[in-house]
Amino acid sequence: MKIKTRKFGEIEIEEENIITMPEGLPGFPGFDRFVVIQPQETAPFCWFQSLEEPNLNLVIMSPFYFMPEYDPELDILIGMRNWHGAEKEDFQVYVVVNILGEGGGKQITANLMGPIVINMLKKEAVQFVFSNSVYSHHHDVLQSLDKIKNMQ
C-alpha cells in the first residue's frame, strides 16, 4: 500500500504494519490509522505517521534507549484496555520527542508522562497519559544519555 508523507514523500508500507488508535491521537481528532516509520539513518528516532494526513507525523523513540529503568505501568493499561492475554513483550512503547536547536545548542525532550503504547498482537495503540506520574512531559533526553555514558 502506498501512502503520502511530508517527510518521506510517497512510500510503500505493508498493511500488517498499520496501527489503529480507537480513540485517536489526543489533539488530532478524526485520525486513527498510523504506521511507525523507522529509517536506519535516523535511529534511534522514528516517525509515527498518519495514513489519513501526510502532514501529521510525530517524532518518537523508545524511552528505554535513554532511560532503561522507565516503567510505564503496562499492567494498568492492559486492564483498562482489556488487552488481557498479552504479555509485556507484545507491546512497543514510544515517547513523543521534541528536537530544538542545532549543533551544540540542540535540546531533545521527551514526553514520558504520555507514552504511545502499541499492542502488537492487536495492532492497536493508545497514547496514555499517566496521572500522578513521577515522570515529566519535558524530560531532557541528552542529560539522561550523559548519565548513562558516565556510568559506563
Protein backbone atom coordinates (compact mmCIF):
# COMPACT_ATOMS: atom_id res chain seq x y z
CA MET A 1 0.00 0.00 0.00
CA LYS A 2 1.34 3.47 -0.85
CA ILE A 3 0.94 6.44 1.46
CA LYS A 4 1.97 10.06 1.18
CA THR A 5 4.11 11.64 3.87
CA ARG A 6 5.51 15.12 4.33
CA LYS A 7 8.92 13.86 5.48
CA PHE A 8 9.50 10.92 3.13
CA GLY A 9 7.25 11.62 0.14
CA GLU A 10 5.28 8.67 -1.17
CA ILE A 11 6.32 5.40 0.46
CA GLU A 12 5.25 1.78 0.38
CA ILE A 13 4.06 0.20 3.62
CA GLU A 14 2.85 -3.28 4.46
CA GLU A 15 -0.79 -3.44 5.53
CA GLU A 16 0.13 -5.63 8.52
CA ASN A 17 2.13 -2.66 9.90
CA ILE A 18 -0.93 -0.41 10.14
CA ILE A 19 -1.74 0.55 13.73
CA THR A 20 -5.22 1.74 14.70
CA MET A 21 -5.91 4.13 17.54
CA PRO A 22 -9.58 3.56 18.50
CA GLU A 23 -9.72 6.83 20.47
CA GLY A 24 -7.47 8.64 18.02
CA LEU A 25 -4.41 10.66 18.89
CA PRO A 26 -5.08 13.34 21.55
CA GLY A 27 -5.32 16.72 19.89
CA PHE A 28 -5.87 15.25 16.42
CA PRO A 29 -9.48 14.04 16.22
CA GLY A 30 -10.51 12.04 13.18
CA PHE A 31 -7.12 10.45 12.57
CA ASP A 32 -6.92 6.87 13.77
CA ARG A 33 -4.64 4.93 11.40
CA PHE A 34 -0.87 5.20 11.75
CA VAL A 35 2.35 3.44 10.89
CA VAL A 36 5.73 3.56 12.62
CA ILE A 37 8.45 4.50 10.13
CA GLN A 38 11.94 3.51 11.29
CA PRO A 39 14.60 4.71 8.83
CA GLN A 40 18.04 3.30 9.65
CA GLU A 41 19.69 6.68 9.07
CA THR A 42 17.64 8.43 11.78
CA ALA A 43 17.89 5.76 14.51
CA PRO A 44 17.01 5.90 17.36
CA PHE A 45 14.37 8.36 16.12
CA CYS A 46 11.26 7.07 14.32
CA TRP A 47 8.10 8.66 12.95
CA PHE A 48 4.51 7.97 13.94
CA GLN A 49 2.88 8.75 10.61
CA SER A 50 -0.84 9.22 9.99
CA LEU A 51 -2.20 7.34 6.99
CA GLU A 52 -5.03 9.87 6.58
CA GLU A 53 -2.97 13.09 6.75
CA PRO A 54 0.52 13.36 5.19
CA ASN A 55 1.39 16.36 7.40
CA LEU A 56 0.58 14.54 10.66
CA ASN A 57 3.69 12.78 11.91
CA LEU A 58 5.35 12.78 15.29
CA VAL A 59 8.99 12.13 16.06
CA ILE A 60 9.09 9.23 18.51
CA MET A 61 11.66 6.95 20.10
CA SER A 62 11.89 4.13 22.58
CA PRO A 63 12.23 5.59 26.09
CA PHE A 64 14.38 2.59 27.06
CA TYR A 65 17.16 3.93 24.82
CA PHE A 66 17.86 6.79 27.25
CA MET A 67 16.08 5.55 30.39
CA PRO A 68 16.38 1.76 30.81
CA GLU A 69 14.51 1.86 34.12
CA TYR A 70 11.40 3.55 32.61
CA ASP A 71 8.22 1.84 33.81
CA PRO A 72 5.05 2.95 32.01
CA GLU A 73 2.85 0.71 34.21
CA LEU A 74 1.69 -1.53 31.38
CA ASP A 75 -0.33 -3.72 33.77
CA ILE A 76 -2.70 -0.81 34.44
CA LEU A 77 -3.06 -0.08 30.74
CA ILE A 78 -3.62 -3.76 29.86
CA GLY A 79 -6.50 -3.90 32.34
CA MET A 80 -8.04 -0.60 31.22
CA ARG A 81 -7.88 -1.53 27.51
CA ASN A 82 -9.00 -5.13 28.09
CA TRP A 83 -5.81 -6.36 26.45
CA HIS A 84 -5.76 -9.48 28.62
CA GLY A 85 -3.67 -12.37 27.36
CA ALA A 86 -0.95 -10.09 26.06
CA GLU A 87 2.49 -10.24 27.64
CA LYS A 88 4.77 -7.24 28.16
CA GLU A 89 6.92 -8.33 25.22
CA ASP A 90 3.83 -7.98 22.96
CA PHE A 91 3.99 -4.20 23.39
CA GLN A 92 6.10 -1.48 21.88
CA VAL A 93 6.43 1.71 23.89
CA TYR A 94 7.38 5.03 22.32
CA VAL A 95 7.54 8.58 23.60
CA VAL A 96 6.97 11.74 21.59
CA VAL A 97 10.18 13.70 21.16
CA ASN A 98 10.82 17.39 20.53
CA ILE A 99 14.13 18.41 18.98
CA LEU A 100 15.02 22.10 19.26
CA GLY A 101 18.10 23.96 18.06
CA GLU A 102 21.09 22.66 16.17
CA GLY A 103 24.64 21.54 16.81
CA GLY A 104 25.95 22.20 20.34
CA GLY A 105 22.77 24.08 21.28
CA LYS A 106 20.48 21.17 20.49
CA GLN A 107 17.88 20.24 23.08
CA ILE A 108 15.90 17.00 22.92
CA THR A 109 12.98 16.43 25.25
CA ALA A 110 10.59 13.51 25.59
CA ASN A 111 7.08 13.20 26.96
CA LEU A 112 7.44 10.37 29.48
CA MET A 113 4.01 11.08 31.00
CA GLY A 114 2.14 10.25 27.79
CA PRO A 115 3.74 7.28 26.03
CA ILE A 116 2.30 5.77 22.89
CA VAL A 117 1.78 2.09 23.68
CA ILE A 118 1.24 -0.33 20.79
CA ASN A 119 -0.29 -3.75 21.31
CA MET A 120 1.48 -5.63 18.51
CA LEU A 121 -0.94 -8.58 18.76
CA LYS A 122 -3.99 -6.41 18.09
CA LYS A 123 -2.18 -3.74 16.02
CA GLU A 124 -3.85 -1.23 18.29
CA ALA A 125 -2.34 1.77 20.07
CA VAL A 126 -3.18 4.36 22.65
CA GLN A 127 -1.42 7.44 23.92
CA PHE A 128 -1.96 7.05 27.62
CA VAL A 129 -1.35 9.95 30.00
CA PHE A 130 -0.44 8.72 33.46
CA SER A 131 -1.85 10.97 36.17
CA ASN A 132 0.23 11.40 39.32
CA SER A 133 3.25 10.25 37.32
CA VAL A 134 6.79 10.54 38.60
CA TYR A 135 7.79 11.26 35.00
CA SER A 136 7.97 14.57 33.18
CA HIS A 137 6.29 15.59 29.94
CA HIS A 138 9.50 17.52 29.17
CA HIS A 139 12.30 15.06 30.07
CA ASP A 140 15.83 16.02 28.97
CA VAL A 141 16.99 13.11 26.78
CA LEU A 142 20.57 14.33 26.32
CA GLN A 143 21.05 14.67 30.08
CA SER A 144 19.87 11.06 30.56
CA LEU A 145 22.24 9.85 27.85
CA ASP A 146 25.12 11.68 29.54
CA LYS A 147 24.29 9.94 32.84
CA ILE A 148 24.31 6.54 31.13
CA LYS A 149 27.63 7.33 29.46
CA ASN A 150 29.20 8.44 32.76
CA MET A 151 28.07 5.23 34.50
CA GLN A 152 29.91 3.03 32.00
